């Protein structure tokens, strides 16, 4: 992705939203205010490094230390000096993606309760849209988008769609995804 990011180094003056309900997706964002900046910056729970970032920001706030934050417009993207191994990144990507799917994040027109009544055509569109969207999210945050395909998520999807492999095969073809990367991440063939 070729996006324009800004890096700010400032003191944190306020952190809002940490009391948000655990069941309310739309409350799953933290607003961070930085010294000498009238705007608020948003940290979304779908960010795979959400907990690392919030710990860093809270610690800096409590200790009156400057934070260094990488931003995209008003969204907190990352903390440049926080480094993770590939295994850590894979686990973070899986947990964030699991949260997104389990909590029907952004599924404004869909729900797992309504899903069983969908036609095969609507199910294909559903999988195409939501898998592609989450892969783009992971890529945006600097994660391998194929980290989406992990056993825990696969089991969750399979619970809702017993014929999941058929839809995954269609999506691989439609979106021209790398089947070998998906299968490597899952640990088995999806045919």
N, C-alpha and C. Protein backbone atom coordinates (compact mmCIF):
# COMPACT_ATOMS: atom_id res chain seq x y z
N UNK A 1 0.83 -1.18 0.00
CA UNK A 1 0.00 0.00 0.00
C UNK A 1 0.88 1.24 0.00
N UNK A 2 0.51 2.20 -0.81
CA UNK A 2 1.26 3.45 -0.90
C UNK A 2 0.42 4.56 -0.27
N UNK A 3 0.49 4.68 1.05
CA UNK A 3 -0.32 5.65 1.78
C UNK A 3 0.59 6.66 2.44
N UNK A 4 0.03 7.83 2.71
CA UNK A 4 0.81 8.87 3.38
C UNK A 4 0.55 8.83 4.88
N UNK A 5 1.58 8.53 5.61
CA UNK A 5 1.51 8.48 7.07
C UNK A 5 2.26 9.67 7.65
N UNK A 6 1.85 10.07 8.83
CA UNK A 6 2.56 11.10 9.58
C UNK A 6 3.03 10.48 10.88
N UNK A 7 4.15 10.94 11.37
CA UNK A 7 4.65 10.48 12.66
C UNK A 7 4.69 11.68 13.59
N UNK A 8 3.98 11.57 14.71
CA UNK A 8 3.94 12.63 15.71
C UNK A 8 4.70 12.18 16.94
N UNK A 9 5.43 13.11 17.52
CA UNK A 9 6.07 12.86 18.81
C UNK A 9 5.59 13.96 19.75
N UNK A 10 4.69 13.59 20.66
CA UNK A 10 4.05 14.56 21.53
C UNK A 10 3.71 13.91 22.88
N UNK A 11 3.30 14.74 23.80
CA UNK A 11 2.77 14.26 25.07
C UNK A 11 1.29 13.94 24.89
N UNK A 12 0.81 12.93 25.58
CA UNK A 12 -0.62 12.60 25.57
C UNK A 12 -1.30 13.47 26.61
N UNK A 13 -2.37 14.15 26.20
CA UNK A 13 -3.09 15.01 27.14
C UNK A 13 -4.39 14.38 27.62
N UNK A 14 -4.94 13.44 26.85
CA UNK A 14 -6.18 12.78 27.28
C UNK A 14 -6.37 11.48 26.52
N UNK A 15 -7.01 10.53 27.18
CA UNK A 15 -7.38 9.24 26.57
C UNK A 15 -8.84 9.01 26.93
N UNK A 16 -9.69 8.91 25.93
CA UNK A 16 -11.13 8.74 26.17
C UNK A 16 -11.63 7.46 25.53
N UNK A 17 -12.62 6.83 26.17
CA UNK A 17 -13.27 5.67 25.59
C UNK A 17 -12.87 4.34 26.18
N UNK A 18 -12.02 4.35 27.18
CA UNK A 18 -11.55 3.10 27.74
C UNK A 18 -12.60 2.39 28.57
N UNK A 19 -13.70 3.07 28.87
CA UNK A 19 -14.76 2.44 29.66
C UNK A 19 -15.84 1.85 28.76
N UNK A 20 -15.61 1.80 27.45
CA UNK A 20 -16.61 1.31 26.50
C UNK A 20 -17.01 -0.13 26.81
N UNK A 21 -18.25 -0.43 26.56
CA UNK A 21 -18.80 -1.77 26.80
C UNK A 21 -18.07 -2.80 25.97
N UNK A 22 -17.84 -3.96 26.55
CA UNK A 22 -17.16 -5.04 25.82
C UNK A 22 -18.03 -5.62 24.71
N UNK A 23 -19.32 -5.38 24.74
CA UNK A 23 -20.21 -5.95 23.73
C UNK A 23 -20.61 -4.95 22.66
N UNK A 24 -20.18 -3.71 22.78
CA UNK A 24 -20.57 -2.68 21.82
C UNK A 24 -19.43 -2.42 20.85
N UNK A 25 -19.54 -2.93 19.62
CA UNK A 25 -18.45 -2.72 18.66
C UNK A 25 -18.19 -1.25 18.43
N UNK A 26 -19.23 -0.47 18.29
CA UNK A 26 -19.05 0.93 17.94
C UNK A 26 -18.41 1.71 19.09
N UNK A 27 -18.30 1.10 20.24
CA UNK A 27 -17.58 1.71 21.34
C UNK A 27 -16.15 1.21 21.40
N UNK A 28 -15.74 0.44 20.42
CA UNK A 28 -14.42 -0.18 20.44
C UNK A 28 -13.38 0.71 19.77
N UNK A 29 -13.33 1.93 20.24
CA UNK A 29 -12.28 2.82 19.78
C UNK A 29 -11.86 3.70 20.94
N UNK A 30 -10.62 4.06 20.93
CA UNK A 30 -10.06 4.91 21.95
C UNK A 30 -9.69 6.23 21.27
N UNK A 31 -10.02 7.34 21.91
CA UNK A 31 -9.66 8.65 21.39
C UNK A 31 -8.47 9.16 22.19
N UNK A 32 -7.44 9.55 21.47
CA UNK A 32 -6.21 10.02 22.10
C UNK A 32 -5.98 11.47 21.66
N UNK A 33 -5.70 12.31 22.63
CA UNK A 33 -5.41 13.72 22.35
C UNK A 33 -3.94 13.96 22.66
N UNK A 34 -3.29 14.69 21.77
CA UNK A 34 -1.87 14.99 21.92
C UNK A 34 -1.67 16.48 22.16
N UNK A 35 -0.64 16.80 22.91
CA UNK A 35 -0.34 18.20 23.24
C UNK A 35 -0.10 19.00 21.96
N UNK A 36 -0.61 20.22 21.94
CA UNK A 36 -0.48 21.14 20.80
C UNK A 36 -1.21 20.67 19.56
N UNK A 37 -2.23 19.82 19.73
CA UNK A 37 -3.01 19.39 18.59
C UNK A 37 -4.48 19.35 19.01
N UNK A 38 -5.31 20.15 18.36
CA UNK A 38 -6.73 20.22 18.78
C UNK A 38 -7.55 19.00 18.37
N UNK A 39 -7.05 18.20 17.46
CA UNK A 39 -7.81 17.04 16.98
C UNK A 39 -7.58 15.83 17.86
N UNK A 40 -8.52 14.92 17.79
CA UNK A 40 -8.34 13.65 18.47
C UNK A 40 -7.90 12.62 17.44
N UNK A 41 -7.17 11.64 17.92
CA UNK A 41 -6.73 10.54 17.06
C UNK A 41 -7.40 9.27 17.57
N UNK A 42 -7.77 8.39 16.66
CA UNK A 42 -8.58 7.24 17.00
C UNK A 42 -7.76 5.96 16.87
N UNK A 43 -7.89 5.11 17.87
CA UNK A 43 -7.28 3.78 17.85
C UNK A 43 -8.43 2.79 17.84
N UNK A 44 -8.53 1.99 16.78
CA UNK A 44 -9.61 1.02 16.64
C UNK A 44 -9.19 -0.34 17.18
N UNK A 45 -10.13 -1.04 17.77
CA UNK A 45 -9.85 -2.36 18.32
C UNK A 45 -9.50 -3.37 17.23
N UNK A 46 -9.88 -3.12 15.99
CA UNK A 46 -9.55 -4.05 14.91
C UNK A 46 -8.07 -3.96 14.52
N UNK A 47 -7.35 -3.00 15.06
CA UNK A 47 -5.92 -2.90 14.82
C UNK A 47 -5.26 -4.07 15.55
N UNK A 48 -4.51 -4.91 14.84
CA UNK A 48 -3.92 -6.09 15.50
C UNK A 48 -3.01 -5.77 16.68
N UNK A 49 -2.46 -4.56 16.73
CA UNK A 49 -1.58 -4.20 17.85
C UNK A 49 -2.28 -3.25 18.83
N UNK A 50 -3.61 -3.28 18.84
CA UNK A 50 -4.40 -2.40 19.70
C UNK A 50 -3.89 -2.42 21.14
N UNK A 51 -3.78 -3.59 21.73
CA UNK A 51 -3.42 -3.68 23.16
C UNK A 51 -1.99 -3.21 23.41
N UNK A 52 -1.09 -3.46 22.48
CA UNK A 52 0.28 -2.98 22.62
C UNK A 52 0.31 -1.45 22.56
N UNK A 53 -0.46 -0.90 21.63
CA UNK A 53 -0.50 0.55 21.47
C UNK A 53 -1.14 1.22 22.68
N UNK A 54 -2.25 0.69 23.14
CA UNK A 54 -2.92 1.33 24.28
C UNK A 54 -2.06 1.23 25.54
N UNK A 55 -1.36 0.12 25.72
CA UNK A 55 -0.45 0.01 26.87
C UNK A 55 0.66 1.06 26.80
N UNK A 56 1.19 1.23 25.60
CA UNK A 56 2.26 2.21 25.37
C UNK A 56 1.75 3.63 25.66
N UNK A 57 0.57 3.95 25.16
CA UNK A 57 0.01 5.30 25.32
C UNK A 57 -0.34 5.57 26.79
N UNK A 58 -0.96 4.62 27.44
CA UNK A 58 -1.31 4.80 28.85
C UNK A 58 -0.05 4.95 29.70
N UNK A 59 0.94 4.11 29.44
CA UNK A 59 2.20 4.20 30.19
C UNK A 59 2.85 5.57 30.00
N UNK A 60 2.89 6.04 28.75
CA UNK A 60 3.49 7.35 28.48
C UNK A 60 2.69 8.47 29.16
N UNK A 61 1.38 8.34 29.13
CA UNK A 61 0.52 9.34 29.77
C UNK A 61 0.77 9.39 31.28
N UNK A 62 0.79 8.23 31.91
CA UNK A 62 0.99 8.16 33.36
C UNK A 62 2.37 8.64 33.78
N UNK A 63 3.35 8.43 32.93
CA UNK A 63 4.73 8.82 33.25
C UNK A 63 5.13 10.17 32.65
N UNK A 64 4.17 10.84 32.00
CA UNK A 64 4.42 12.14 31.36
C UNK A 64 5.60 12.07 30.39
N UNK A 65 5.60 11.01 29.58
CA UNK A 65 6.63 10.86 28.55
C UNK A 65 6.00 11.14 27.18
N UNK A 66 6.82 11.58 26.25
CA UNK A 66 6.34 11.78 24.89
C UNK A 66 6.08 10.42 24.24
N UNK A 67 5.09 10.40 23.36
CA UNK A 67 4.81 9.20 22.56
C UNK A 67 5.20 9.49 21.12
N UNK A 68 5.54 8.45 20.42
CA UNK A 68 5.78 8.55 18.99
C UNK A 68 4.74 7.68 18.33
N UNK A 69 3.86 8.31 17.54
CA UNK A 69 2.73 7.62 16.95
C UNK A 69 2.71 7.81 15.45
N UNK A 70 2.51 6.72 14.72
CA UNK A 70 2.37 6.76 13.27
C UNK A 70 0.87 6.84 12.97
N UNK A 71 0.48 7.85 12.20
CA UNK A 71 -0.92 8.12 11.93
C UNK A 71 -1.24 8.06 10.45
N UNK A 72 -2.47 7.69 10.16
CA UNK A 72 -3.03 7.82 8.81
C UNK A 72 -4.28 8.66 8.98
N UNK A 73 -4.22 9.89 8.53
CA UNK A 73 -5.26 10.89 8.73
C UNK A 73 -5.46 11.02 10.24
N UNK A 74 -6.61 10.56 10.79
CA UNK A 74 -6.81 10.68 12.24
C UNK A 74 -6.76 9.32 12.94
N UNK A 75 -6.33 8.29 12.23
CA UNK A 75 -6.27 6.94 12.80
C UNK A 75 -4.87 6.61 13.26
N UNK A 76 -4.77 6.09 14.47
CA UNK A 76 -3.49 5.63 14.98
C UNK A 76 -3.19 4.30 14.30
N UNK A 77 -2.13 4.28 13.55
CA UNK A 77 -1.74 3.10 12.77
C UNK A 77 -0.83 2.19 13.58
N UNK A 78 0.22 2.78 14.15
CA UNK A 78 1.21 1.96 14.85
C UNK A 78 2.12 2.84 15.70
N UNK A 79 2.95 2.18 16.45
CA UNK A 79 4.00 2.81 17.24
C UNK A 79 5.31 2.34 16.60
N UNK A 80 6.04 3.25 15.94
CA UNK A 80 7.21 2.83 15.16
C UNK A 80 8.24 1.98 15.89
N UNK A 81 8.47 2.23 17.17
CA UNK A 81 9.54 1.47 17.84
C UNK A 81 9.07 0.13 18.41
N UNK A 82 7.78 -0.16 18.38
CA UNK A 82 7.32 -1.47 18.84
C UNK A 82 7.57 -2.49 17.73
N UNK A 83 8.33 -3.49 18.03
CA UNK A 83 8.69 -4.51 17.02
C UNK A 83 8.15 -5.86 17.47
N UNK A 84 7.71 -6.66 16.51
CA UNK A 84 7.13 -7.96 16.80
C UNK A 84 7.74 -9.02 15.89
N UNK A 85 7.84 -10.24 16.41
CA UNK A 85 8.29 -11.35 15.58
C UNK A 85 7.14 -11.72 14.63
N UNK A 86 7.44 -12.49 13.62
CA UNK A 86 6.39 -12.93 12.69
C UNK A 86 5.35 -13.78 13.41
N UNK A 87 5.78 -14.60 14.36
CA UNK A 87 4.82 -15.41 15.11
C UNK A 87 3.90 -14.53 15.95
N UNK A 88 4.46 -13.48 16.56
CA UNK A 88 3.64 -12.55 17.31
C UNK A 88 2.65 -11.83 16.39
N UNK A 89 3.13 -11.42 15.23
CA UNK A 89 2.27 -10.73 14.27
C UNK A 89 1.15 -11.66 13.78
N UNK A 90 1.49 -12.90 13.56
CA UNK A 90 0.49 -13.87 13.11
C UNK A 90 -0.60 -14.04 14.17
N UNK A 91 -0.18 -14.14 15.43
CA UNK A 91 -1.14 -14.30 16.52
C UNK A 91 -1.99 -13.04 16.68
N UNK A 92 -1.37 -11.86 16.57
CA UNK A 92 -2.11 -10.61 16.69
C UNK A 92 -3.13 -10.47 15.55
N UNK A 93 -2.72 -10.83 14.34
CA UNK A 93 -3.62 -10.74 13.19
C UNK A 93 -4.80 -11.68 13.36
N UNK A 94 -4.54 -12.88 13.87
CA UNK A 94 -5.62 -13.84 14.06
C UNK A 94 -6.60 -13.35 15.12
N UNK A 95 -6.11 -12.86 16.24
CA UNK A 95 -6.99 -12.40 17.30
C UNK A 95 -7.84 -11.21 16.86
N UNK A 96 -7.22 -10.25 16.17
CA UNK A 96 -7.99 -9.09 15.69
C UNK A 96 -9.03 -9.53 14.65
N UNK A 97 -8.66 -10.42 13.76
CA UNK A 97 -9.59 -10.90 12.73
C UNK A 97 -10.72 -11.72 13.35
N UNK A 98 -10.38 -12.53 14.32
CA UNK A 98 -11.39 -13.31 15.02
C UNK A 98 -12.40 -12.37 15.68
N UNK A 99 -11.90 -11.33 16.31
CA UNK A 99 -12.78 -10.33 16.93
C UNK A 99 -13.72 -9.73 15.88
N UNK A 100 -13.16 -9.34 14.74
CA UNK A 100 -13.96 -8.72 13.68
C UNK A 100 -15.09 -9.64 13.23
N UNK A 101 -14.77 -10.88 12.93
CA UNK A 101 -15.80 -11.81 12.44
C UNK A 101 -16.77 -12.23 13.54
N UNK A 102 -16.26 -12.51 14.72
CA UNK A 102 -17.13 -12.97 15.80
C UNK A 102 -18.15 -11.91 16.20
N UNK A 103 -17.73 -10.66 16.18
CA UNK A 103 -18.59 -9.57 16.60
C UNK A 103 -19.29 -8.87 15.45
N UNK A 104 -19.26 -9.49 14.28
CA UNK A 104 -19.96 -8.96 13.11
C UNK A 104 -19.55 -7.52 12.83
N UNK A 105 -18.28 -7.25 13.02
CA UNK A 105 -17.77 -5.91 12.81
C UNK A 105 -18.04 -5.44 11.40
N UNK A 106 -18.65 -4.30 11.28
CA UNK A 106 -19.00 -3.68 10.01
C UNK A 106 -20.01 -4.47 9.19
N UNK A 107 -20.58 -5.49 9.75
CA UNK A 107 -21.57 -6.28 9.01
C UNK A 107 -22.93 -5.60 9.15
N UNK A 108 -23.01 -4.39 8.67
CA UNK A 108 -24.22 -3.59 8.82
C UNK A 108 -25.40 -4.26 8.12
N UNK A 109 -25.15 -4.86 6.98
CA UNK A 109 -26.24 -5.48 6.22
C UNK A 109 -26.28 -6.99 6.38
N UNK A 110 -25.42 -7.53 7.22
CA UNK A 110 -25.35 -8.98 7.40
C UNK A 110 -25.28 -9.31 8.88
N UNK A 111 -25.65 -10.53 9.20
CA UNK A 111 -25.44 -11.02 10.57
C UNK A 111 -25.32 -12.54 10.49
N UNK A 112 -24.67 -13.11 11.47
CA UNK A 112 -24.54 -14.57 11.49
C UNK A 112 -25.90 -15.23 11.69
N UNK A 113 -26.82 -14.53 12.36
CA UNK A 113 -28.16 -15.09 12.54
C UNK A 113 -28.92 -15.19 11.22
N UNK A 114 -28.73 -14.21 10.35
CA UNK A 114 -29.44 -14.21 9.05
C UNK A 114 -28.72 -15.07 8.01
N UNK A 115 -27.44 -15.33 8.24
CA UNK A 115 -26.61 -16.02 7.25
C UNK A 115 -27.21 -17.34 6.73
N UNK A 116 -27.73 -18.21 7.58
CA UNK A 116 -28.25 -19.50 7.08
C UNK A 116 -29.34 -19.35 6.00
N UNK A 117 -30.03 -18.23 5.96
CA UNK A 117 -31.08 -18.03 4.97
C UNK A 117 -30.59 -17.46 3.64
N UNK A 118 -29.31 -17.19 3.53
CA UNK A 118 -28.77 -16.62 2.29
C UNK A 118 -28.76 -17.66 1.17
N UNK A 119 -28.91 -17.19 -0.05
CA UNK A 119 -28.75 -18.05 -1.21
C UNK A 119 -27.25 -18.29 -1.41
N UNK A 120 -26.89 -19.27 -2.22
CA UNK A 120 -25.47 -19.51 -2.50
C UNK A 120 -24.82 -18.28 -3.12
N UNK A 121 -25.55 -17.58 -3.97
CA UNK A 121 -25.01 -16.37 -4.60
C UNK A 121 -24.71 -15.30 -3.55
N UNK A 122 -25.63 -15.11 -2.62
CA UNK A 122 -25.42 -14.11 -1.57
C UNK A 122 -24.30 -14.55 -0.63
N UNK A 123 -24.19 -15.84 -0.37
CA UNK A 123 -23.09 -16.34 0.47
C UNK A 123 -21.74 -16.09 -0.21
N UNK A 124 -21.67 -16.31 -1.51
CA UNK A 124 -20.42 -16.05 -2.24
C UNK A 124 -20.04 -14.58 -2.12
N UNK A 125 -21.00 -13.70 -2.32
CA UNK A 125 -20.73 -12.26 -2.20
C UNK A 125 -20.30 -11.91 -0.78
N UNK A 126 -20.96 -12.53 0.20
CA UNK A 126 -20.61 -12.30 1.59
C UNK A 126 -19.15 -12.66 1.84
N UNK A 127 -18.75 -13.86 1.47
CA UNK A 127 -17.36 -14.29 1.72
C UNK A 127 -16.38 -13.47 0.92
N UNK A 128 -16.71 -13.16 -0.31
CA UNK A 128 -15.82 -12.35 -1.14
C UNK A 128 -15.57 -11.00 -0.49
N UNK A 129 -16.64 -10.37 -0.04
CA UNK A 129 -16.51 -9.03 0.54
C UNK A 129 -15.77 -9.05 1.86
N UNK A 130 -16.16 -9.93 2.79
CA UNK A 130 -15.60 -9.86 4.13
C UNK A 130 -14.19 -10.41 4.22
N UNK A 131 -13.87 -11.44 3.44
CA UNK A 131 -12.49 -11.93 3.44
C UNK A 131 -11.57 -10.90 2.80
N UNK A 132 -12.01 -10.32 1.69
CA UNK A 132 -11.19 -9.30 1.01
C UNK A 132 -10.99 -8.08 1.91
N UNK A 133 -12.07 -7.66 2.56
CA UNK A 133 -11.99 -6.48 3.42
C UNK A 133 -11.02 -6.71 4.57
N UNK A 134 -11.09 -7.87 5.21
CA UNK A 134 -10.20 -8.12 6.33
C UNK A 134 -8.76 -8.29 5.86
N UNK A 135 -8.55 -8.85 4.69
CA UNK A 135 -7.19 -8.95 4.16
C UNK A 135 -6.62 -7.55 3.91
N UNK A 136 -7.45 -6.63 3.39
CA UNK A 136 -7.00 -5.25 3.17
C UNK A 136 -6.69 -4.57 4.51
N UNK A 137 -7.50 -4.82 5.53
CA UNK A 137 -7.25 -4.24 6.86
C UNK A 137 -5.89 -4.70 7.38
N UNK A 138 -5.63 -5.99 7.31
CA UNK A 138 -4.36 -6.50 7.79
C UNK A 138 -3.20 -5.88 7.03
N UNK A 139 -3.33 -5.78 5.72
CA UNK A 139 -2.29 -5.17 4.89
C UNK A 139 -2.06 -3.72 5.30
N UNK A 140 -3.14 -2.98 5.53
CA UNK A 140 -3.05 -1.58 5.95
C UNK A 140 -2.23 -1.46 7.22
N UNK A 141 -2.43 -2.36 8.17
CA UNK A 141 -1.73 -2.29 9.45
C UNK A 141 -0.32 -2.90 9.39
N UNK A 142 0.10 -3.32 8.20
CA UNK A 142 1.45 -3.83 8.04
C UNK A 142 1.62 -5.31 8.31
N UNK A 143 0.52 -6.06 8.21
CA UNK A 143 0.53 -7.49 8.45
C UNK A 143 0.33 -8.24 7.14
N UNK A 144 0.87 -9.44 7.07
CA UNK A 144 0.65 -10.28 5.90
C UNK A 144 -0.85 -10.59 5.84
N UNK A 145 -1.53 -10.21 4.75
CA UNK A 145 -2.98 -10.44 4.68
C UNK A 145 -3.36 -11.92 4.73
N UNK A 146 -2.43 -12.80 4.41
CA UNK A 146 -2.72 -14.23 4.45
C UNK A 146 -2.71 -14.78 5.87
N UNK A 147 -2.30 -13.95 6.84
CA UNK A 147 -2.42 -14.35 8.24
C UNK A 147 -3.88 -14.49 8.66
N UNK A 148 -4.79 -14.01 7.84
CA UNK A 148 -6.21 -14.16 8.12
C UNK A 148 -6.60 -15.63 8.18
N UNK A 149 -5.95 -16.44 7.38
CA UNK A 149 -6.34 -17.85 7.24
C UNK A 149 -5.62 -18.70 8.28
N UNK A 150 -6.25 -18.81 9.46
CA UNK A 150 -5.69 -19.61 10.54
C UNK A 150 -6.78 -20.52 11.09
N UNK A 151 -6.36 -21.57 11.75
CA UNK A 151 -7.27 -22.62 12.20
C UNK A 151 -8.42 -22.10 13.06
N UNK A 152 -8.14 -21.23 14.02
CA UNK A 152 -9.20 -20.74 14.91
C UNK A 152 -10.29 -20.02 14.12
N UNK A 153 -9.89 -19.19 13.18
CA UNK A 153 -10.87 -18.49 12.35
C UNK A 153 -11.58 -19.46 11.42
N UNK A 154 -10.82 -20.36 10.82
CA UNK A 154 -11.42 -21.35 9.93
C UNK A 154 -12.50 -22.14 10.66
N UNK A 155 -12.21 -22.57 11.88
CA UNK A 155 -13.20 -23.32 12.67
C UNK A 155 -14.44 -22.46 12.95
N UNK A 156 -14.23 -21.19 13.25
CA UNK A 156 -15.36 -20.29 13.49
C UNK A 156 -16.21 -20.16 12.23
N UNK A 157 -15.57 -19.93 11.08
CA UNK A 157 -16.30 -19.81 9.82
C UNK A 157 -17.03 -21.10 9.49
N UNK A 158 -16.33 -22.22 9.69
CA UNK A 158 -16.89 -23.54 9.37
C UNK A 158 -18.12 -23.83 10.23
N UNK A 159 -18.12 -23.32 11.44
CA UNK A 159 -19.29 -23.46 12.31
C UNK A 159 -20.53 -22.81 11.68
N UNK A 160 -20.31 -21.70 11.01
CA UNK A 160 -21.41 -20.96 10.37
C UNK A 160 -21.68 -21.43 8.95
N UNK A 161 -20.67 -22.00 8.31
CA UNK A 161 -20.81 -22.45 6.91
C UNK A 161 -20.13 -23.81 6.74
N UNK A 162 -20.90 -24.90 6.87
CA UNK A 162 -20.32 -26.24 6.72
C UNK A 162 -19.66 -26.47 5.35
N UNK A 163 -20.12 -25.77 4.33
CA UNK A 163 -19.58 -25.90 2.98
C UNK A 163 -18.52 -24.83 2.71
N UNK A 164 -17.80 -24.42 3.74
CA UNK A 164 -16.84 -23.32 3.66
C UNK A 164 -15.81 -23.49 2.56
N UNK A 165 -15.24 -24.70 2.43
CA UNK A 165 -14.19 -24.90 1.44
C UNK A 165 -14.64 -24.56 0.03
N UNK A 166 -15.88 -24.86 -0.29
CA UNK A 166 -16.42 -24.52 -1.60
C UNK A 166 -16.37 -23.00 -1.83
N UNK A 167 -16.78 -22.25 -0.81
CA UNK A 167 -16.77 -20.79 -0.93
C UNK A 167 -15.34 -20.26 -0.96
N UNK A 168 -14.45 -20.82 -0.14
CA UNK A 168 -13.05 -20.40 -0.17
C UNK A 168 -12.43 -20.64 -1.55
N UNK A 169 -12.73 -21.79 -2.14
CA UNK A 169 -12.21 -22.08 -3.48
C UNK A 169 -12.72 -21.06 -4.50
N UNK A 170 -13.99 -20.68 -4.39
CA UNK A 170 -14.53 -19.67 -5.30
C UNK A 170 -13.84 -18.33 -5.11
N UNK A 171 -13.60 -17.95 -3.86
CA UNK A 171 -12.98 -16.67 -3.57
C UNK A 171 -11.54 -16.65 -4.06
N UNK A 172 -10.84 -17.76 -3.91
CA UNK A 172 -9.46 -17.85 -4.42
C UNK A 172 -9.46 -17.55 -5.91
N UNK A 173 -10.41 -18.12 -6.64
CA UNK A 173 -10.50 -17.90 -8.09
C UNK A 173 -10.94 -16.47 -8.42
N UNK A 174 -11.99 -16.01 -7.77
CA UNK A 174 -12.55 -14.69 -8.06
C UNK A 174 -11.54 -13.58 -7.76
N UNK A 175 -10.91 -13.64 -6.61
CA UNK A 175 -9.97 -12.60 -6.16
C UNK A 175 -8.52 -12.89 -6.56
N UNK A 176 -8.31 -14.01 -7.23
CA UNK A 176 -6.97 -14.41 -7.67
C UNK A 176 -5.99 -14.42 -6.48
N UNK A 177 -6.42 -15.06 -5.41
CA UNK A 177 -5.59 -15.18 -4.23
C UNK A 177 -4.58 -16.31 -4.40
N UNK A 178 -3.54 -16.27 -3.61
CA UNK A 178 -2.50 -17.30 -3.65
C UNK A 178 -2.94 -18.48 -2.78
N UNK A 179 -3.44 -19.52 -3.44
CA UNK A 179 -3.94 -20.70 -2.74
C UNK A 179 -2.88 -21.31 -1.83
N UNK A 180 -1.64 -21.36 -2.30
CA UNK A 180 -0.59 -21.99 -1.50
C UNK A 180 -0.34 -21.24 -0.19
N UNK A 181 -0.46 -19.89 -0.21
CA UNK A 181 -0.29 -19.12 1.03
C UNK A 181 -1.44 -19.37 1.99
N UNK A 182 -2.65 -19.48 1.47
CA UNK A 182 -3.81 -19.76 2.32
C UNK A 182 -3.64 -21.14 2.95
N UNK A 183 -3.30 -22.12 2.14
CA UNK A 183 -3.18 -23.49 2.65
C UNK A 183 -1.99 -23.62 3.61
N UNK A 184 -0.92 -22.90 3.34
CA UNK A 184 0.23 -22.92 4.24
C UNK A 184 -0.15 -22.34 5.60
N UNK A 185 -0.90 -21.23 5.57
CA UNK A 185 -1.32 -20.59 6.81
C UNK A 185 -2.30 -21.48 7.58
N UNK A 186 -3.22 -22.13 6.87
CA UNK A 186 -4.18 -23.02 7.51
C UNK A 186 -3.54 -24.33 7.97
N UNK A 187 -2.56 -24.80 7.21
CA UNK A 187 -1.91 -26.05 7.54
C UNK A 187 -2.54 -27.25 6.83
N UNK A 188 -3.43 -26.99 5.89
CA UNK A 188 -4.04 -28.09 5.10
C UNK A 188 -4.60 -27.52 3.79
N UNK A 189 -4.90 -28.44 2.88
CA UNK A 189 -5.46 -28.05 1.58
C UNK A 189 -6.96 -27.80 1.72
N UNK A 190 -7.47 -26.81 0.99
CA UNK A 190 -8.88 -26.46 1.09
C UNK A 190 -9.74 -27.07 -0.02
N UNK A 191 -9.17 -27.92 -0.83
CA UNK A 191 -9.94 -28.52 -1.92
C UNK A 191 -10.90 -29.57 -1.43
